[in-house]
Structure formats: C-alpha cells, structure tokens
N, C-alpha and C. Protein backbone atom coordinates (compact mmCIF):
# COMPACT_ATOMS: atom_id res chain seq x y z
N MET A 1 60.31 92.15 79.93
CA MET A 1 62.08 92.50 80.85
C MET A 1 61.30 92.96 81.95
N ASN A 2 62.43 92.17 82.33
CA ASN A 2 62.36 90.98 83.91
C ASN A 2 62.64 92.25 84.39
N ASP A 3 64.14 93.05 84.43
CA ASP A 3 64.57 94.32 85.01
C ASP A 3 65.01 94.83 84.30
N PRO A 4 64.05 96.66 84.16
CA PRO A 4 65.03 97.42 82.34
C PRO A 4 66.13 97.97 82.68
N ASN A 5 65.93 98.18 83.91
CA ASN A 5 67.43 98.69 84.12
C ASN A 5 68.69 97.71 85.07
N GLY A 6 68.63 96.28 84.45
CA GLY A 6 70.09 95.86 84.87
C GLY A 6 70.17 95.03 83.28
N THR A 7 71.61 95.41 83.48
CA THR A 7 72.48 94.49 82.05
C THR A 7 72.20 92.88 82.24
N PRO A 8 73.24 92.89 80.71
CA PRO A 8 72.80 90.95 81.03
C PRO A 8 73.67 90.48 81.50
N ALA A 9 75.23 91.27 82.44
CA ALA A 9 75.95 90.02 83.03
C ALA A 9 75.05 90.68 84.74
N SER A 10 74.56 91.99 84.88
CA SER A 10 74.10 91.43 86.66
C SER A 10 72.81 90.90 86.76
N VAL A 11 72.28 90.25 85.24
CA VAL A 11 71.36 89.04 85.60
C VAL A 11 72.02 88.13 85.74
N VAL A 12 72.17 87.65 84.88
CA VAL A 12 73.57 86.62 85.48
C VAL A 12 74.10 86.44 86.86
N GLU A 13 74.82 87.63 86.58
CA GLU A 13 75.45 87.63 88.45
C GLU A 13 74.58 87.20 89.83
N ALA A 14 73.56 88.03 90.13
CA ALA A 14 71.98 87.59 90.10
C ALA A 14 71.63 86.21 90.32
N ALA A 15 71.49 85.77 88.78
CA ALA A 15 71.38 84.37 89.51
C ALA A 15 72.57 83.00 89.89
N PHE A 16 73.14 84.14 90.05
CA PHE A 16 74.44 83.24 90.59
C PHE A 16 74.43 82.66 92.01
N ARG A 17 73.62 84.05 92.40
CA ARG A 17 74.21 84.52 93.76
C ARG A 17 72.72 83.55 93.92
N CYS A 18 71.79 83.42 93.34
CA CYS A 18 70.00 82.84 94.00
C CYS A 18 71.25 81.16 93.83
N TYR A 19 71.40 81.12 92.99
CA TYR A 19 71.74 79.06 93.44
C TYR A 19 72.81 78.94 94.07
N ARG A 20 73.85 80.17 94.41
CA ARG A 20 74.95 79.74 95.71
C ARG A 20 73.82 79.44 97.26
N SER A 21 73.02 80.88 97.41
CA SER A 21 72.41 80.71 98.03
C SER A 21 70.76 80.14 98.02
N GLN A 22 70.56 79.58 97.87
CA GLN A 22 69.26 78.02 96.66
C GLN A 22 68.21 79.15 97.38
N ASP A 23 67.99 80.50 96.67
CA ASP A 23 67.14 80.84 97.12
C ASP A 23 66.03 80.45 96.20
N ARG A 24 65.02 79.48 95.50
CA ARG A 24 64.42 79.05 94.47
C ARG A 24 63.62 80.27 93.96
N GLU A 25 62.91 81.03 94.86
CA GLU A 25 62.03 82.37 94.42
C GLU A 25 61.95 83.27 93.61
N ALA A 26 63.55 83.59 94.38
CA ALA A 26 64.58 85.11 93.46
C ALA A 26 65.21 84.58 92.15
N ALA A 27 65.50 83.63 91.90
CA ALA A 27 65.79 82.78 90.84
C ALA A 27 64.49 82.49 89.60
N LEU A 28 63.02 81.65 90.07
CA LEU A 28 62.69 81.90 89.45
C LEU A 28 62.49 82.61 88.24
N PRO A 29 62.20 84.26 88.45
CA PRO A 29 61.68 85.42 87.51
C PRO A 29 63.44 85.61 86.47
N LEU A 30 64.90 85.38 87.47
CA LEU A 30 65.59 85.49 86.79
C LEU A 30 65.68 84.81 84.90
N TYR A 31 64.35 83.55 85.00
CA TYR A 31 64.49 82.72 84.22
C TYR A 31 63.50 82.59 83.07
N ALA A 32 63.69 82.86 81.46
CA ALA A 32 62.56 82.55 81.11
C ALA A 32 61.82 81.00 80.68
N GLU A 33 60.50 81.56 81.01
CA GLU A 33 59.35 80.37 80.64
C GLU A 33 60.64 79.00 79.24
N ASP A 34 60.67 79.24 78.11
CA ASP A 34 61.24 79.00 77.19
C ASP A 34 63.36 78.01 77.03
N PHE A 35 63.37 78.95 78.68
CA PHE A 35 64.42 78.49 78.34
C PHE A 35 65.31 77.15 78.43
N THR A 36 66.47 77.20 77.94
CA THR A 36 67.17 75.42 78.16
C THR A 36 68.28 75.62 79.31
N PHE A 37 69.02 75.04 78.81
CA PHE A 37 70.05 73.91 79.22
C PHE A 37 71.01 73.02 79.04
N THR A 38 72.35 73.39 78.35
CA THR A 38 72.54 72.07 78.08
C THR A 38 73.94 72.62 78.97
N SER A 39 74.23 71.13 79.24
CA SER A 39 76.18 70.61 79.72
C SER A 39 76.47 69.29 79.15
N PRO A 40 77.54 69.22 78.95
CA PRO A 40 78.11 67.84 78.95
C PRO A 40 76.97 66.75 79.48
N GLN A 41 76.12 66.77 81.15
CA GLN A 41 74.99 66.03 81.44
C GLN A 41 74.20 66.35 80.68
N ASP A 42 73.72 67.30 80.34
CA ASP A 42 71.94 67.58 80.43
C ASP A 42 71.92 68.08 78.29
N ASP A 43 70.87 67.40 77.74
CA ASP A 43 71.12 67.80 76.26
C ASP A 43 69.70 68.75 76.24
N HIS A 44 69.91 70.65 75.99
CA HIS A 44 68.77 71.08 76.06
C HIS A 44 67.87 70.67 77.08
N ILE A 45 68.19 71.31 78.32
CA ILE A 45 66.67 70.86 78.98
C ILE A 45 65.89 71.73 79.03
N GLY A 46 64.64 71.63 79.87
CA GLY A 46 63.54 73.27 79.63
C GLY A 46 63.44 73.48 81.15
N LYS A 47 63.17 74.50 81.88
CA LYS A 47 63.32 75.71 82.87
C LYS A 47 62.57 74.04 84.72
N GLU A 48 62.21 74.05 84.44
CA GLU A 48 61.79 72.70 84.97
C GLU A 48 62.83 71.58 85.61
N ALA A 49 62.83 70.97 83.93
CA ALA A 49 63.49 69.86 84.86
C ALA A 49 65.01 70.73 85.66
N PHE A 50 65.78 71.80 84.78
CA PHE A 50 67.26 72.90 85.35
C PHE A 50 66.58 72.95 86.88
N PHE A 51 65.39 73.62 86.71
CA PHE A 51 65.07 73.78 88.85
C PHE A 51 64.86 72.12 90.01
N ARG A 52 64.43 71.35 88.92
CA ARG A 52 64.16 70.28 88.96
C ARG A 52 65.99 69.44 90.16
N ARG A 53 66.15 68.95 88.64
CA ARG A 53 67.33 68.42 88.29
C ARG A 53 69.29 69.05 89.18
N CYS A 54 68.91 70.39 88.25
CA CYS A 54 70.81 71.06 88.48
C CYS A 54 70.41 72.19 89.55
N PHE A 55 69.64 73.04 89.85
CA PHE A 55 69.52 74.43 90.59
C PHE A 55 69.73 73.13 92.04
N PRO A 56 69.34 72.65 93.43
CA PRO A 56 69.31 71.66 93.84
C PRO A 56 70.56 71.42 93.94
N THR A 57 71.74 71.98 93.49
CA THR A 57 73.65 71.15 93.81
C THR A 57 74.77 72.38 94.25
N ALA A 58 73.26 73.05 95.09
CA ALA A 58 74.68 73.92 95.34
C ALA A 58 75.55 73.89 96.76
N ASP A 59 74.52 72.44 97.57
CA ASP A 59 75.35 71.71 98.35
C ASP A 59 76.58 70.57 97.99
N ARG A 60 76.45 70.79 96.95
CA ARG A 60 78.28 70.01 96.43
C ARG A 60 79.36 70.39 96.40
N PHE A 61 79.16 71.66 96.79
CA PHE A 61 79.68 72.93 96.77
C PHE A 61 80.52 73.52 97.72
N SER A 62 81.84 73.20 97.80
CA SER A 62 81.79 74.12 99.29
C SER A 62 82.71 75.94 98.87
N GLU A 63 82.68 76.29 97.59
CA GLU A 63 82.84 77.12 97.54
C GLU A 63 82.44 76.97 95.45
N GLN A 64 82.74 78.55 95.45
CA GLN A 64 82.27 78.71 93.76
C GLN A 64 82.51 80.40 93.74
N ARG A 65 83.85 80.40 92.91
CA ARG A 65 83.99 81.84 92.76
C ARG A 65 83.93 82.47 91.15
N LEU A 66 83.26 83.46 90.68
CA LEU A 66 83.28 83.90 89.57
C LEU A 66 84.41 85.07 89.56
N LEU A 67 85.76 84.31 88.51
CA LEU A 67 86.48 84.93 87.81
C LEU A 67 86.40 86.05 87.14
N HIS A 68 85.46 85.84 86.05
CA HIS A 68 84.77 86.79 85.37
C HIS A 68 83.02 86.94 84.71
N VAL A 69 82.94 87.92 84.44
CA VAL A 69 81.17 87.98 83.36
C VAL A 69 82.04 88.59 82.56
N THR A 70 81.59 88.45 81.67
CA THR A 70 82.45 89.30 80.30
C THR A 70 81.23 88.62 79.44
N PRO A 71 80.72 90.20 78.80
CA PRO A 71 79.09 90.52 77.88
C PRO A 71 80.35 90.45 77.33
N ALA A 72 79.45 89.06 75.83
CA ALA A 72 80.63 88.85 74.65
C ALA A 72 79.23 90.17 73.81
N ASP A 73 78.72 90.21 73.53
CA ASP A 73 77.88 91.57 73.26
C ASP A 73 76.85 91.12 73.72
N GLY A 74 74.97 91.99 73.03
CA GLY A 74 74.14 92.77 73.36
C GLY A 74 72.94 91.68 74.37
N GLU A 75 73.06 89.84 74.18
CA GLU A 75 72.63 89.28 75.06
C GLU A 75 73.17 88.41 75.77
N LEU A 76 74.89 88.19 75.13
CA LEU A 76 75.48 87.89 75.37
C LEU A 76 76.16 87.11 76.32
N VAL A 77 76.02 86.84 77.29
CA VAL A 77 77.51 86.59 78.49
C VAL A 77 78.48 85.25 79.05
N PHE A 78 79.76 85.02 78.59
CA PHE A 78 80.94 84.95 78.94
C PHE A 78 80.76 84.44 81.04
N VAL A 79 81.48 83.35 81.71
CA VAL A 79 80.45 83.62 82.64
C VAL A 79 82.19 82.56 82.82
N HIS A 80 82.73 82.67 83.74
CA HIS A 80 84.52 81.88 84.16
C HIS A 80 84.96 82.08 85.56
N TYR A 81 84.35 80.39 86.30
CA TYR A 81 84.72 80.86 87.08
C TYR A 81 84.97 78.82 88.03
N GLU A 82 85.43 79.29 88.97
CA GLU A 82 86.06 78.13 89.69
C GLU A 82 85.55 77.87 91.71
N TYR A 83 85.62 76.15 91.26
CA TYR A 83 85.17 76.08 91.96
C TYR A 83 84.97 74.59 93.25
N GLU A 84 84.68 74.58 94.86
CA GLU A 84 85.78 72.86 95.02
C GLU A 84 84.80 72.71 94.94
N PRO A 85 84.63 70.85 95.00
CA PRO A 85 83.49 70.22 95.26
C PRO A 85 83.38 69.92 96.70
N ALA A 86 82.36 69.58 98.01
CA ALA A 86 82.68 68.93 99.14
C ALA A 86 83.98 68.22 99.27
N THR A 87 83.81 67.15 98.23
CA THR A 87 84.90 65.84 97.84
C THR A 87 86.51 66.70 97.65
N GLY A 88 86.74 67.68 98.09
CA GLY A 88 88.28 68.27 97.60
C GLY A 88 89.11 68.34 95.73
N GLY A 89 89.57 68.60 95.80
CA GLY A 89 90.53 69.37 94.71
C GLY A 89 89.10 70.82 93.44
N ARG A 90 89.91 71.49 93.07
CA ARG A 90 89.35 72.96 92.29
C ARG A 90 89.54 72.50 91.13
N TYR A 91 88.80 72.65 90.20
CA TYR A 91 88.50 72.57 88.89
C TYR A 91 87.69 73.79 88.83
N ARG A 92 87.83 74.31 86.86
CA ARG A 92 87.15 75.89 86.45
C ARG A 92 86.35 75.22 85.92
N ASN A 93 85.33 75.83 85.11
CA ASN A 93 84.40 76.14 84.29
C ASN A 93 84.05 76.84 82.78
N MET A 94 83.62 77.51 81.82
CA MET A 94 83.12 78.13 81.24
C MET A 94 81.17 77.82 81.69
N GLU A 95 81.35 79.34 81.46
CA GLU A 95 79.54 79.09 80.73
C GLU A 95 78.98 80.14 79.29
N ALA A 96 78.38 79.73 78.81
CA ALA A 96 77.74 80.56 77.51
C ALA A 96 76.12 80.77 77.87
N ILE A 97 76.20 82.11 77.95
CA ILE A 97 74.87 82.82 78.76
C ILE A 97 73.91 83.95 77.67
N THR A 98 72.67 83.35 76.94
CA THR A 98 71.90 84.34 76.89
C THR A 98 71.18 84.94 77.34
N VAL A 99 70.94 86.22 77.48
CA VAL A 99 69.79 87.11 77.87
C VAL A 99 69.47 88.00 78.00
N ARG A 100 67.17 88.12 78.14
CA ARG A 100 66.79 88.57 76.26
C ARG A 100 66.32 88.87 77.13
N ASP A 101 65.59 90.77 76.47
CA ASP A 101 64.36 91.24 77.16
C ASP A 101 64.92 91.26 79.10
N GLY A 102 65.66 90.75 79.56
CA GLY A 102 66.28 91.11 80.66
C GLY A 102 65.78 89.49 81.36
N LEU A 103 65.62 88.64 80.96
CA LEU A 103 65.75 87.40 81.38
C LEU A 103 66.83 86.50 81.11
N ILE A 104 67.61 85.66 81.35
CA ILE A 104 68.17 84.37 80.48
C ILE A 104 67.48 82.78 80.03
N ARG A 105 67.60 83.22 78.58
CA ARG A 105 67.26 82.34 78.12
C ARG A 105 67.81 80.64 77.37
N GLU A 106 69.10 80.87 77.29
CA GLU A 106 69.87 79.74 77.70
C GLU A 106 71.40 79.41 77.82
N VAL A 107 71.56 78.12 79.11
CA VAL A 107 73.36 79.15 79.29
C VAL A 107 73.09 76.86 78.16
N GLN A 108 74.92 76.86 78.73
CA GLN A 108 75.83 76.24 78.17
C GLN A 108 76.81 76.04 78.90
N VAL A 109 76.93 74.94 79.86
CA VAL A 109 78.05 74.66 80.12
C VAL A 109 79.43 73.74 79.37
N PHE A 110 79.88 74.09 79.49
CA PHE A 110 81.33 74.01 79.58
C PHE A 110 82.95 73.14 80.13
N PHE A 111 82.81 72.09 80.54
CA PHE A 111 83.25 71.39 82.26
C PHE A 111 85.06 72.16 81.62
N GLY A 112 85.27 72.63 82.15
CA GLY A 112 87.22 72.27 82.62
C GLY A 112 88.20 71.52 83.28
N GLY A 113 89.25 71.88 83.32
CA GLY A 113 89.34 70.26 84.32
C GLY A 113 90.34 70.91 85.96
N ARG A 114 90.65 69.30 86.23
CA ARG A 114 91.03 70.10 87.59
C ARG A 114 91.86 71.46 87.75
N ILE A 115 92.64 71.69 88.70
CA ILE A 115 93.07 72.74 88.94
C ILE A 115 94.89 72.89 89.72
N ALA A 116 95.79 73.51 89.75
CA ALA A 116 96.44 72.93 90.84
C ALA A 116 96.37 74.32 92.25
C-alpha cells in the first residue's frame, strides 16, 4: 500500500496537484506499475506512455479546477473538473479513477464540451 492513511479520493487529489505543478517525482509513486490510461485520444496506454505523452501537458492550461472528487465505492473515484486552455475557452471533463491499495490503477477520461 502506498499510503495507508490515504483515501482513494486523497490519492486522486494528490495526483492532480502533482500534474498541475509538474512534479513527476512525487507523482510516479502514486501510480501502480500496471496502470492504464484511457481517453478519447488514448486507448489503455501504460504508465510509461502516460508519463511521456500525457503528464507533461499541464502548460497547455491556464487554469484547472476540481469541481467534484466523489468516491463511488471503496476503489472508484469520479472527478469532475473545469479547465481553461491557454488558447482560451472553458471546458469540463469527467474521470473515473480506480485506486487500489493506495495506488492509481486505472484512469478513464470522458471529454466534455465547451461551457459558457
């Protein structure tokens, strides 16, 4: 177990903080070795590909704000967030994140649309 005192929601919140601050060294231990990431642009990529392709993208956003971090059960956490790309506009996405034994095992991203 990565953090015996951490809830799945707190692990997810820590991962989002690491992403926004681009603290790769702090983020790596939050993810299981068999981690998979799926989004409309990525299909079940592994940990190495995620940290190479997806993690270093925080500079594309001028803002990202977690709206809801909601535990669904003992492992699954739903995250609803709003972000503003550096190019402008506002968008919302949802993620279903599985945390088991204190480690993020799977992330599924569902893209939302532009909001007013």
